[in-house]
Amino acid sequence: MGGCSILLRSSALTCGRPRSSPPGAEVRCRGRRPLCALRGRGHPLAALPGPPSWPLMGSLPDVLWKGGLKRQHETLAEYHRRFGKIFRMKLGAFDSVHIGAPCLLESLYRRESSCPQRLEIKPWKAYRDYRDEGYGLLILEGKDWQRVRSAFQKKLMKPKEVVKLDNTINEVLEDFMHRIDEICNHNGQMEDVYSEFNKWSFESICLVLYGKRFGLLQQDVEEESLNFIKAVKTMMATFGMMMVTPVE
């Protein structure tokens, strides 16, 4: 859909411009009129259009009525058609502004600082706190995030470094293709495609990060590795509902 959502933590945010923009600033796309329906000078967050919102639940009843979180992508596309390229939506405790134009996303990313205010994944933070574990790159904030992000960027995000991983990734991919040939039935179908792709991605990531194969694409896989894949699947399946449920 070409859009994204931004978690809000302050009512001082304005439509189409960050806090640091001068009064009257607005986001434009290749010199055309602003895509935001509330064009002109900056507008308060409360003035942004959006779907109906109820106390505590926000727009969750409307989203559930339209098919639930599994069809949320279709609901968001409908909201963009109704409310424009920028709209606000609350789902329970989750308050966000949705942007549906590449040029607006580009403007947003160009104006953010080296330590941007990122999406806060409260359920994952609460779990790490409960287990007394470190946050990691996905949920770190501020200077801690920038420090870890810089370390990853040097190794994994520069094109010349990525090219060096060519043979490593292809090694796993070749094994994965052989695995598909083995488990497909005579009609060329697999029973659990999701699980097989999880095995391939986990094997690839571990080989890149640790230089080690975990044998997930073999006929007999260790139970511990399979349990890890099942845990990731459960985590992603419950992610949407956990994000709109208060963890306090």
Protein backbone atom coordinates (compact mmCIF):
# COMPACT_ATOMS: atom_id res chain seq x y z
CA MET A 1 0.00 0.00 0.00
CA GLY A 2 3.00 2.29 0.27
CA GLY A 3 2.06 3.52 3.73
CA CYS A 4 3.24 3.36 7.30
CA SER A 5 2.00 4.08 10.79
CA ILE A 6 3.69 6.22 13.42
CA LEU A 7 3.13 5.75 17.12
CA LEU A 8 2.20 9.01 18.83
CA ARG A 9 3.49 10.01 22.25
CA SER A 10 2.69 13.71 22.23
CA SER A 11 -0.30 15.81 21.23
CA ALA A 12 2.14 18.44 19.99
CA LEU A 13 2.69 16.58 16.71
CA THR A 14 1.30 18.38 13.69
CA CYS A 15 0.03 17.27 10.33
CA GLY A 16 2.73 16.89 7.72
CA ARG A 17 5.60 18.41 9.74
CA PRO A 18 7.65 17.43 12.81
CA ARG A 19 8.01 19.47 15.97
CA SER A 20 11.20 21.12 14.72
CA SER A 21 9.61 22.57 11.55
CA PRO A 22 9.01 26.32 11.44
CA PRO A 23 5.42 27.62 11.61
CA GLY A 24 3.64 27.28 8.29
CA ALA A 25 5.84 24.45 7.05
CA GLU A 26 4.11 21.76 5.04
CA VAL A 27 5.04 18.57 3.21
CA ARG A 28 4.75 18.65 -0.57
CA CYS A 29 5.23 16.05 -3.30
CA ARG A 30 7.27 17.21 -6.29
CA GLY A 31 5.96 20.73 -6.06
CA ARG A 32 2.29 19.82 -6.09
CA ARG A 33 -0.25 20.86 -3.50
CA PRO A 34 0.05 19.15 -0.09
CA LEU A 35 -1.39 15.64 0.01
CA CYS A 36 -2.72 16.15 3.53
CA ALA A 37 -6.37 17.17 3.52
CA LEU A 38 -5.58 19.70 6.27
CA ARG A 39 -3.13 21.58 4.07
CA GLY A 40 -1.72 25.01 4.76
CA ARG A 41 -0.20 25.68 8.14
CA GLY A 42 0.39 22.94 10.69
CA HIS A 43 -2.67 21.57 12.45
CA PRO A 44 -3.11 20.03 15.92
CA LEU A 45 -3.20 16.27 16.21
CA ALA A 46 -6.85 16.39 17.24
CA ALA A 47 -7.72 17.97 13.88
CA LEU A 48 -6.51 15.00 11.83
CA PRO A 49 -9.32 13.03 10.15
CA GLY A 50 -9.85 9.38 10.96
CA PRO A 51 -12.37 6.58 11.58
CA PRO A 52 -14.90 6.65 14.44
CA SER A 53 -13.30 6.31 17.88
CA TRP A 54 -14.86 5.09 21.14
CA PRO A 55 -13.55 5.59 24.69
CA LEU A 56 -10.87 3.06 25.70
CA MET A 57 -11.40 0.97 22.55
CA GLY A 58 -10.70 3.63 19.93
CA SER A 59 -11.51 2.38 16.42
CA LEU A 60 -11.07 -1.29 17.37
CA PRO A 61 -14.82 -2.12 17.03
CA ASP A 62 -14.84 -0.71 13.49
CA VAL A 63 -11.70 -2.67 12.55
CA LEU A 64 -13.14 -5.89 14.01
CA TRP A 65 -16.41 -5.31 12.15
CA LYS A 66 -14.49 -5.04 8.88
CA GLY A 67 -12.72 -8.38 9.34
CA GLY A 68 -10.41 -7.98 12.33
CA LEU A 69 -6.66 -7.54 12.54
CA LYS A 70 -6.02 -10.22 9.90
CA ARG A 71 -7.73 -7.98 7.31
CA GLN A 72 -6.41 -4.74 8.76
CA HIS A 73 -4.43 -4.00 5.58
CA GLU A 74 -7.68 -3.82 3.60
CA THR A 75 -9.28 -1.64 6.28
CA LEU A 76 -6.33 0.77 6.23
CA ALA A 77 -6.54 1.03 2.43
CA GLU A 78 -10.23 1.92 2.78
CA TYR A 79 -9.42 4.57 5.41
CA HIS A 80 -6.84 6.14 3.10
CA ARG A 81 -9.48 6.37 0.37
CA ARG A 82 -11.92 8.00 2.80
CA PHE A 83 -9.62 10.28 4.81
CA GLY A 84 -6.69 10.99 2.51
CA LYS A 85 -2.97 10.33 2.63
CA ILE A 86 -2.66 11.17 6.34
CA PHE A 87 -5.12 10.08 9.02
CA ARG A 88 -5.14 9.27 12.73
CA MET A 89 -6.41 6.04 14.27
CA LYS A 90 -6.54 4.65 17.81
CA LEU A 91 -6.74 0.92 18.53
CA GLY A 92 -7.14 0.47 22.24
CA ALA A 93 -3.97 1.87 23.81
CA PHE A 94 -2.25 2.19 20.41
CA ASP A 95 -2.44 5.72 18.95
CA SER A 96 -0.99 6.22 15.47
CA VAL A 97 -0.85 8.47 12.42
CA HIS A 98 -0.90 6.63 9.08
CA ILE A 99 0.97 8.01 6.06
CA GLY A 100 0.09 6.70 2.61
CA ALA A 101 2.46 8.40 0.15
CA PRO A 102 6.14 7.62 -0.57
CA CYS A 103 7.07 11.31 -0.82
CA LEU A 104 5.66 11.98 2.64
CA LEU A 105 7.60 9.06 4.06
CA GLU A 106 10.75 10.37 2.42
CA SER A 107 10.19 13.80 3.94
CA LEU A 108 9.57 12.27 7.37
CA TYR A 109 12.75 10.18 7.32
CA ARG A 110 14.87 13.07 6.03
CA ARG A 111 13.77 15.31 8.90
CA GLU A 112 14.17 12.87 11.76
CA SER A 113 17.23 12.99 14.03
CA SER A 114 19.98 10.39 14.36
CA CYS A 115 18.04 8.98 17.34
CA PRO A 116 14.43 8.97 16.11
CA GLN A 117 11.47 8.24 18.33
CA ARG A 118 10.59 4.75 17.17
CA LEU A 119 7.56 2.50 17.50
CA GLU A 120 7.32 1.43 21.14
CA ILE A 121 6.57 -2.28 21.42
CA LYS A 122 5.39 -2.36 25.02
CA PRO A 123 4.52 -6.10 25.21
CA TRP A 124 8.05 -7.08 24.17
CA LYS A 125 9.57 -4.61 26.62
CA ALA A 126 7.40 -5.97 29.43
CA TYR A 127 8.48 -9.54 28.62
CA ARG A 128 12.17 -8.62 28.55
CA ASP A 129 11.80 -6.79 31.87
CA TYR A 130 10.02 -9.80 33.38
CA ARG A 131 12.80 -12.14 32.22
CA ASP A 132 15.51 -9.61 33.14
CA GLU A 133 16.90 -9.66 29.60
CA GLY A 134 18.35 -6.95 27.37
CA TYR A 135 16.07 -5.18 24.90
CA GLY A 136 17.93 -5.68 21.63
CA LEU A 137 17.80 -3.61 18.44
CA LEU A 138 14.06 -3.88 17.80
CA ILE A 139 12.97 -2.23 21.04
CA LEU A 140 15.93 -0.11 22.11
CA GLU A 141 15.49 3.67 22.13
CA GLY A 142 17.64 6.79 21.85
CA LYS A 143 21.43 6.57 22.04
CA ASP A 144 21.37 2.87 22.96
CA TRP A 145 19.47 2.12 19.75
CA GLN A 146 21.85 4.26 17.70
CA ARG A 147 24.89 2.47 19.16
CA VAL A 148 23.60 -1.01 18.31
CA ARG A 149 22.18 0.14 14.97
CA SER A 150 25.57 1.55 13.94
CA ALA A 151 27.25 -1.77 14.69
CA PHE A 152 24.76 -3.65 12.51
CA GLN A 153 24.94 -1.07 9.75
CA LYS A 154 28.70 -1.46 9.28
CA LYS A 155 28.36 -5.19 8.67
CA LEU A 156 24.94 -5.79 7.15
CA MET A 157 23.64 -2.62 5.47
CA LYS A 158 26.47 -1.49 3.21
CA PRO A 159 26.15 -2.87 -0.36
CA LYS A 160 29.80 -3.94 -0.53
CA GLU A 161 29.38 -5.89 2.72
CA VAL A 162 26.14 -7.52 1.58
CA VAL A 163 27.84 -8.77 -1.59
CA LYS A 164 30.29 -10.70 0.59
CA LEU A 165 27.36 -12.74 1.94
CA ASP A 166 26.36 -13.91 -1.54
CA ASN A 167 27.86 -17.41 -1.32
CA THR A 168 26.74 -17.85 2.30
CA ILE A 169 23.10 -17.08 1.55
CA ASN A 170 23.08 -19.10 -1.67
CA GLU A 171 24.41 -22.11 0.22
CA VAL A 172 21.31 -22.15 2.43
CA LEU A 173 19.02 -21.33 -0.49
CA GLU A 174 20.32 -24.28 -2.47
CA ASP A 175 19.63 -26.61 0.45
CA PHE A 176 16.17 -25.09 0.78
CA MET A 177 15.35 -25.83 -2.87
CA HIS A 178 16.42 -29.46 -2.36
CA ARG A 179 14.24 -29.56 0.74
CA ILE A 180 11.23 -28.37 -1.26
CA ASP A 181 11.78 -31.08 -3.87
CA GLU A 182 11.83 -33.70 -1.11
CA ILE A 183 8.66 -32.70 0.72
CA CYS A 184 6.40 -31.69 -2.18
CA ASN A 185 3.71 -34.20 -3.13
CA HIS A 186 3.02 -35.33 -6.70
CA ASN A 187 0.92 -32.17 -7.24
CA GLY A 188 3.80 -29.91 -6.23
CA GLN A 189 2.16 -28.91 -2.93
CA MET A 190 3.52 -28.63 0.64
CA GLU A 191 1.49 -29.08 3.81
CA ASP A 192 3.11 -26.32 5.89
CA VAL A 193 4.74 -23.67 3.69
CA TYR A 194 4.98 -21.18 6.58
CA SER A 195 7.05 -23.55 8.69
CA GLU A 196 9.43 -24.34 5.84
CA PHE A 197 10.07 -20.67 5.11
CA ASN A 198 10.71 -20.12 8.82
CA LYS A 199 13.34 -22.85 8.75
CA TRP A 200 15.02 -21.31 5.71
CA SER A 201 15.05 -17.77 7.12
CA PHE A 202 16.28 -18.89 10.56
CA GLU A 203 19.03 -21.00 9.00
CA SER A 204 20.12 -18.09 6.78
CA ILE A 205 20.16 -15.53 9.60
CA CYS A 206 22.09 -17.78 11.97
CA LEU A 207 24.70 -18.56 9.33
CA VAL A 208 25.20 -14.84 8.64
CA LEU A 209 25.33 -13.81 12.30
CA TYR A 210 27.09 -16.78 13.89
CA GLY A 211 28.78 -18.52 10.97
CA LYS A 212 27.04 -21.75 11.98
CA ARG A 213 24.42 -24.05 10.46
CA PHE A 214 21.62 -25.36 12.70
CA GLY A 215 20.48 -28.20 10.44
CA LEU A 216 16.90 -26.96 10.07
CA LEU A 217 16.72 -28.03 6.43
CA GLN A 218 17.70 -31.62 7.16
CA GLN A 219 15.28 -34.51 7.40
CA ASP A 220 15.66 -34.80 11.18
CA VAL A 221 15.65 -31.48 13.02
CA GLU A 222 16.53 -31.00 16.68
CA GLU A 223 13.51 -30.43 18.91
CA GLU A 224 15.00 -27.27 20.45
CA SER A 225 15.25 -25.60 17.03
CA LEU A 226 11.66 -26.56 16.16
CA ASN A 227 10.43 -25.18 19.48
CA PHE A 228 12.13 -21.88 18.70
CA ILE A 229 10.34 -21.63 15.35
CA LYS A 230 7.01 -22.43 17.01
CA ALA A 231 7.66 -19.72 19.60
CA VAL A 232 8.36 -17.13 16.89
CA LYS A 233 5.17 -18.14 15.08
CA THR A 234 3.14 -17.73 18.28
CA MET A 235 4.76 -14.37 19.00
CA MET A 236 3.90 -12.98 15.56
CA ALA A 237 0.37 -14.42 15.64
CA THR A 238 -0.40 -12.64 18.93
CA PHE A 239 1.51 -9.43 18.15
CA GLY A 240 -1.44 -7.45 16.75
CA MET A 241 -3.78 -8.10 19.67
CA MET A 242 -1.04 -7.53 22.25
CA MET A 243 -0.21 -4.13 20.74
CA VAL A 244 -3.73 -2.84 21.36
CA THR A 245 -3.98 -4.35 24.86
CA PRO A 246 -2.55 -2.33 27.79
CA VAL A 247 0.33 -4.12 29.52
CA GLU A 248 0.40 -1.97 32.67
